[in-house]
Structures are given as C-alpha cells and as structure tokens.
Amino acid sequence: MRVALFIPCYVDQFYPQVGIASLQLLQKLGVQAHFPAQQTCCGQPLANSGCEREALPIYHHFVDTFQDYDYVVAPSGSCVYHVRKHFDKLEQTAPVQKVRAATYDLIDFITQVLDITELPGQFPHKVGLHLSCHGQRGLHQANESEMTPVRDGQLRRLLSSLDGIELTELDRNDECCGFGGTFCVSEEAISARMGQDRVQDHLRNGTTILTGGDMSCLMHLQGIVRRRQLPMKVLHAVEILNGTRF
C-alpha cells in the first residue's frame, strides 16, 4: 500500500522531532511512508477563524497532493478531523471523497488499519494522557465520560502495552485544555484558565510525563508547564511509542 505522511504546520515549525518519530515508528511497523514535499497546511486555522471560503484553495491543494495514495497518515487527530469533516465544502469528486476517507490519525492507522493493539518497549514513568476534543469526540478515539465511566481508547491501550508505564487517573478525564486553535488568541484569558485547570489536574494526580495525540493541545499545556516551571515533561505519544530517549 502507498502511504503518505502529512505533518501539520505547528509540528513542522515547532516540533519536528514528532514528525521524525512518526516516520520512524511507521518504518518499525513495516510501513514505508512517503513525504510529499509540496504539502502545506490542511486549512484548519483559516476555517476556524471564520475564513473557510479563503481556505478552499488550500483544501484543493491537499487533495491534489495526496489523491494518489492509499492512506494519508498524520500525528494529529485535529487535522485529520478537519480533512474528513470540513472538506465537505468542496465538490465531492472521486479524489475528494477518496482523500477524506483515506486520511487517518497515526494512532487510528496503527490500531485500525495495521490492526496492532500492543507495542513492545518500556516506559517506566507515570504518564498523564490528554485527549483532544477533535480526537475523542470527533474521531471517537476514546470513551466519553458523559456516556460511560469506563476509561478506554486506542491510545490508552497502546500506551498500556509498554512495560513499566503507569497511567494517571485524572479527576476530570476528558476535559478540554482550552487551546481551540485561534480561540486561544481571541479568548486568551478563558483559554489560559482552562489550560491551568487541566495542568493542575495532572499535577495533583502525579503526572510526570504529559502526553497525547495532538501537539496543538500539548503545545498549549507545555507553555503553562514551562512558565510555572513544573516538574513535568510534555511529549507527543508517538515519541513514547517510538522509544525516543529524552
């Protein structure tokens, strides 16, 4: 199968190690992913700011770039959700429908397409899992606390397969971090307070490594961790699953 790796803008610019870890993990799992150099943004920042019409040329470029691949894999549930749900603004040609259906979050690709539910490795740390709203409620990657008290999901199961890992039990398991793309700019006070509450939940329950599947949420939380100089490190989940040393 032909697999393309899509790297979101903020990963490309601020966290390139997450993109590298994504490529390495796919290679370890037997997938030779291609990185089309002409790729750009998925268009989500413009659309979230109320400029979705202006984002349409970006949507078309995304489809043109990835239409020849069987799967498009990204280490971001948020961008994947945007492609799948917001590209309905385009005329639903065969290439558009194919790209929308073929775009997967990395964790979903590993568990649903490759059918891998456990990974070898050790990670002897107490790890707090942050679930992004787009990943959890948009892509249904994890149970929702308002529907069931059972805490389960694809990423939780993959992380739990690592030897020595202990997952933090949070007081409010799937609360939003307050990032919300440009929401954190237009409503910075509310956004910051939500992020502080989220970090405090992890701190109160002993998290030493904070992780998740969306670097955008983690970037927001990492900023709070750094400013308060808290004893907590922030890593994208693929860095843990890939066995990246830190």
Protein backbone atom coordinates (compact mmCIF):
# COMPACT_ATOMS: atom_id res chain seq x y z
CA MET A 1 0.00 0.00 0.00
CA ARG A 2 1.08 3.56 -0.70
CA VAL A 3 1.17 5.65 2.48
CA ALA A 4 1.85 9.38 2.71
CA LEU A 5 2.86 11.18 5.88
CA PHE A 6 1.16 14.53 6.47
CA ILE A 7 2.93 16.75 9.00
CA PRO A 8 0.83 19.60 10.46
CA CYS A 9 2.21 23.16 10.33
CA TYR A 10 2.95 23.51 14.05
CA VAL A 11 4.74 20.14 14.11
CA ASP A 12 6.80 21.14 11.08
CA GLN A 13 7.73 24.51 12.57
CA PHE A 14 7.99 23.84 16.31
CA TYR A 15 8.16 20.09 16.95
CA PRO A 16 9.97 18.44 14.02
CA GLN A 17 11.02 15.60 16.33
CA VAL A 18 7.37 14.49 16.36
CA GLY A 19 7.36 14.18 12.58
CA ILE A 20 10.63 12.26 12.64
CA ALA A 21 9.32 9.91 15.35
CA SER A 22 6.15 9.33 13.30
CA LEU A 23 8.18 8.31 10.25
CA GLN A 24 10.47 6.09 12.33
CA LEU A 25 7.59 4.35 14.10
CA LEU A 26 5.86 3.62 10.79
CA GLN A 27 9.11 2.18 9.43
CA LYS A 28 9.46 -0.05 12.51
CA LEU A 29 5.95 -1.32 11.81
CA GLY A 30 6.88 -2.18 8.23
CA VAL A 31 5.33 0.85 6.53
CA GLN A 32 7.46 2.86 4.11
CA ALA A 33 5.71 6.21 4.23
CA HIS A 34 6.36 8.93 1.65
CA PHE A 35 6.60 12.62 2.50
CA PRO A 36 5.30 14.69 -0.43
CA ALA A 37 7.43 17.83 -0.29
CA GLN A 38 4.72 20.02 -1.83
CA GLN A 39 2.37 19.52 1.15
CA THR A 40 1.22 22.57 3.12
CA CYS A 41 -1.43 23.23 5.77
CA CYS A 42 -4.82 21.44 5.87
CA GLY A 43 -6.52 24.84 6.12
CA GLN A 44 -7.88 24.48 9.63
CA PRO A 45 -6.53 27.77 11.10
CA LEU A 46 -8.26 29.83 8.40
CA ALA A 47 -11.51 27.89 8.69
CA ASN A 48 -11.55 28.15 12.49
CA SER A 49 -11.13 31.91 12.15
CA GLY A 50 -14.26 32.22 10.03
CA CYS A 51 -12.44 32.33 6.70
CA GLU A 52 -13.34 28.93 5.33
CA ARG A 53 -14.02 30.30 1.85
CA GLU A 54 -10.42 31.56 1.76
CA ALA A 55 -9.27 28.10 2.90
CA LEU A 56 -10.80 26.32 -0.10
CA PRO A 57 -7.68 26.65 -2.32
CA ILE A 58 -5.71 25.00 0.50
CA TYR A 59 -8.25 22.16 0.60
CA HIS A 60 -7.84 21.67 -3.16
CA HIS A 61 -4.06 21.61 -2.83
CA PHE A 62 -4.30 18.99 -0.08
CA VAL A 63 -6.45 16.76 -2.32
CA ASP A 64 -4.14 17.27 -5.31
CA THR A 65 -1.12 16.37 -3.16
CA PHE A 66 -2.48 13.20 -1.58
CA GLN A 67 -5.05 11.76 -4.01
CA ASP A 68 -2.69 9.11 -5.39
CA TYR A 69 -2.01 7.49 -2.01
CA ASP A 70 -3.97 4.68 -0.37
CA TYR A 71 -3.60 6.27 3.07
CA VAL A 72 -2.65 9.70 4.41
CA VAL A 73 -1.35 9.48 7.98
CA ALA A 74 -0.86 12.42 10.35
CA PRO A 75 0.19 12.68 14.01
CA SER A 76 -2.80 14.91 14.70
CA GLY A 77 -6.41 13.96 15.29
CA SER A 78 -7.38 17.60 14.92
CA CYS A 79 -6.06 18.00 11.36
CA VAL A 80 -7.44 14.61 10.36
CA TYR A 81 -10.86 15.55 11.69
CA HIS A 82 -10.69 18.77 9.69
CA VAL A 83 -9.93 16.95 6.45
CA ARG A 84 -12.64 14.40 6.99
CA LYS A 85 -15.38 16.78 8.13
CA HIS A 86 -14.64 20.17 6.61
CA PHE A 87 -13.67 19.06 3.13
CA ASP A 88 -17.40 18.57 2.60
CA LYS A 89 -17.29 22.21 1.45
CA LEU A 90 -15.61 21.01 -1.75
CA GLU A 91 -17.42 19.45 -4.68
CA GLN A 92 -17.47 15.77 -3.78
CA THR A 93 -15.44 14.45 -6.71
CA ALA A 94 -13.92 10.98 -6.56
CA PRO A 95 -10.47 12.32 -5.48
CA VAL A 96 -12.01 14.44 -2.70
CA GLN A 97 -14.03 11.53 -1.34
CA LYS A 98 -11.01 9.26 -1.53
CA VAL A 99 -8.72 11.65 0.36
CA ARG A 100 -11.33 12.33 3.04
CA ALA A 101 -11.80 8.60 3.68
CA ALA A 102 -8.10 7.73 3.42
CA THR A 103 -6.82 10.33 5.92
CA TYR A 104 -6.07 8.77 9.31
CA ASP A 105 -4.68 9.88 12.61
CA LEU A 106 -1.47 7.94 13.26
CA ILE A 107 -2.86 6.08 16.28
CA ASP A 108 -6.00 5.08 14.38
CA PHE A 109 -3.89 3.95 11.43
CA ILE A 110 -1.80 1.71 13.70
CA THR A 111 -4.77 0.18 15.52
CA GLN A 112 -7.43 0.07 12.78
CA VAL A 113 -5.52 -0.37 9.52
CA LEU A 114 -2.41 -2.23 10.71
CA ASP A 115 -4.50 -3.97 13.41
CA ILE A 116 -1.77 -3.54 16.02
CA THR A 117 -3.02 -3.21 19.59
CA GLU A 118 0.23 -3.72 21.50
CA LEU A 119 3.75 -2.39 21.02
CA PRO A 120 6.98 -3.66 22.56
CA GLY A 121 9.03 -1.39 24.78
CA GLN A 122 9.48 0.05 28.22
CA PHE A 123 8.45 3.39 29.65
CA PRO A 124 8.74 3.33 33.46
CA HIS A 125 7.06 6.66 34.14
CA LYS A 126 3.75 7.98 35.41
CA VAL A 127 2.06 9.26 32.28
CA GLY A 128 -0.91 11.57 32.04
CA LEU A 129 -2.95 11.26 28.86
CA HIS A 130 -4.58 14.34 27.40
CA LEU A 131 -7.39 13.56 24.97
CA SER A 132 -8.02 16.21 22.33
CA CYS A 133 -11.65 17.14 21.69
CA HIS A 134 -11.33 16.53 17.93
CA GLY A 135 -9.68 13.16 18.52
CA GLN A 136 -12.01 11.94 21.22
CA ARG A 137 -15.37 13.37 20.19
CA GLY A 138 -14.72 13.96 16.51
CA LEU A 139 -12.89 10.76 15.60
CA HIS A 140 -14.22 8.72 18.55
CA GLN A 141 -10.75 7.63 19.64
CA ALA A 142 -11.78 7.20 23.28
CA ASN A 143 -14.81 6.77 25.51
CA GLU A 144 -16.58 9.94 26.59
CA SER A 145 -17.08 10.44 30.32
CA GLU A 146 -20.62 11.77 29.85
CA MET A 147 -21.53 8.46 28.18
CA THR A 148 -19.70 5.89 30.34
CA PRO A 149 -17.39 5.85 33.38
CA VAL A 150 -15.15 3.30 31.59
CA ARG A 151 -11.91 4.94 30.52
CA ASP A 152 -10.81 3.30 27.33
CA GLY A 153 -9.45 4.23 23.92
CA GLN A 154 -6.95 3.30 21.24
CA LEU A 155 -4.09 5.41 22.55
CA ARG A 156 -4.66 4.37 26.17
CA ARG A 157 -4.45 0.71 25.14
CA LEU A 158 -1.27 1.19 23.11
CA LEU A 159 0.44 3.07 25.91
CA SER A 160 -0.70 0.48 28.47
CA SER A 161 1.13 -2.23 26.50
CA LEU A 162 4.50 -0.68 27.38
CA ASP A 163 6.31 -2.28 30.31
CA GLY A 164 6.53 -0.20 33.46
CA ILE A 165 4.17 2.56 32.43
CA GLU A 166 1.58 3.87 34.90
CA LEU A 167 -1.27 5.96 33.53
CA THR A 168 -2.55 8.81 35.68
CA GLU A 169 -6.18 8.66 36.80
CA LEU A 170 -7.44 12.22 36.43
CA ASP A 171 -10.32 13.82 38.30
CA ARG A 172 -11.77 15.13 35.02
CA ASN A 173 -10.59 12.64 32.44
CA ASP A 174 -11.57 14.25 29.16
CA GLU A 175 -11.90 17.94 29.89
CA CYS A 176 -10.86 20.39 27.13
CA CYS A 177 -7.46 22.11 27.57
CA GLY A 178 -8.78 25.39 26.20
CA PHE A 179 -6.47 25.62 23.19
CA GLY A 180 -9.06 25.56 20.42
CA GLY A 181 -6.83 26.91 17.65
CA THR A 182 -7.39 30.65 17.31
CA PHE A 183 -9.68 30.51 20.36
CA CYS A 184 -6.52 30.77 22.47
CA VAL A 185 -5.83 34.12 20.75
CA SER A 186 -9.33 35.60 20.64
CA GLU A 187 -10.23 34.43 24.18
CA GLU A 188 -6.83 34.17 25.74
CA ALA A 189 -7.92 34.62 29.38
CA ILE A 190 -10.50 31.82 29.22
CA SER A 191 -8.12 29.63 27.24
CA ALA A 192 -5.30 30.11 29.72
CA ARG A 193 -7.54 29.38 32.72
CA MET A 194 -8.81 26.17 31.12
CA GLY A 195 -5.24 25.10 30.45
CA GLN A 196 -4.19 25.87 34.02
CA ASP A 197 -7.06 23.74 35.35
CA ARG A 198 -6.03 20.88 33.06
CA VAL A 199 -2.38 21.03 34.12
CA GLN A 200 -3.37 21.25 37.78
CA ASP A 201 -5.40 18.03 37.47
CA HIS A 202 -2.32 16.25 36.12
CA LEU A 203 -0.06 17.78 38.77
CA ARG A 204 -2.46 16.87 41.61
CA ASN A 205 -2.56 13.24 40.49
CA GLY A 206 1.16 12.75 39.99
CA THR A 207 1.76 13.03 36.22
CA THR A 208 5.45 13.34 35.39
CA ILE A 209 5.08 12.86 31.62
CA LEU A 210 2.13 14.56 29.92
CA THR A 211 1.23 13.15 26.52
CA GLY A 212 -1.46 12.98 23.88
CA GLY A 213 -2.09 12.58 20.18
CA ASP A 214 -2.37 16.26 19.27
CA MET A 215 0.67 18.51 19.54
CA SER A 216 -1.52 21.61 19.37
CA CYS A 217 -3.16 20.85 22.73
CA LEU A 218 0.18 19.75 24.14
CA MET A 219 1.83 22.99 22.98
CA HIS A 220 -0.78 24.94 24.94
CA LEU A 221 -0.24 22.85 28.07
CA GLN A 222 3.54 22.87 27.66
CA GLY A 223 3.52 26.66 27.73
CA ILE A 224 1.83 26.60 31.14
CA VAL A 225 4.18 23.91 32.43
CA ARG A 226 7.23 25.93 31.35
CA ARG A 227 6.02 29.24 32.76
CA ARG A 228 5.27 27.65 36.14
CA GLN A 229 8.49 25.59 35.97
CA LEU A 230 6.59 22.46 36.94
CA PRO A 231 8.26 19.05 37.34
CA MET A 232 6.52 17.65 34.26
CA LYS A 233 7.70 16.87 30.74
CA VAL A 234 5.45 17.09 27.68
CA LEU A 235 5.82 14.58 24.82
CA HIS A 236 3.67 13.59 21.87
CA ALA A 237 2.55 9.96 22.25
CA VAL A 238 4.45 8.90 19.13
CA GLU A 239 7.71 9.91 20.84
CA ILE A 240 6.91 7.48 23.65
CA LEU A 241 5.73 4.69 21.37
CA ASN A 242 8.78 5.11 19.15
CA GLY A 243 11.07 4.69 22.17
CA THR A 244 12.58 8.16 21.81
CA ARG A 245 15.13 8.89 24.53
CA PHE A 246 14.67 12.16 26.43
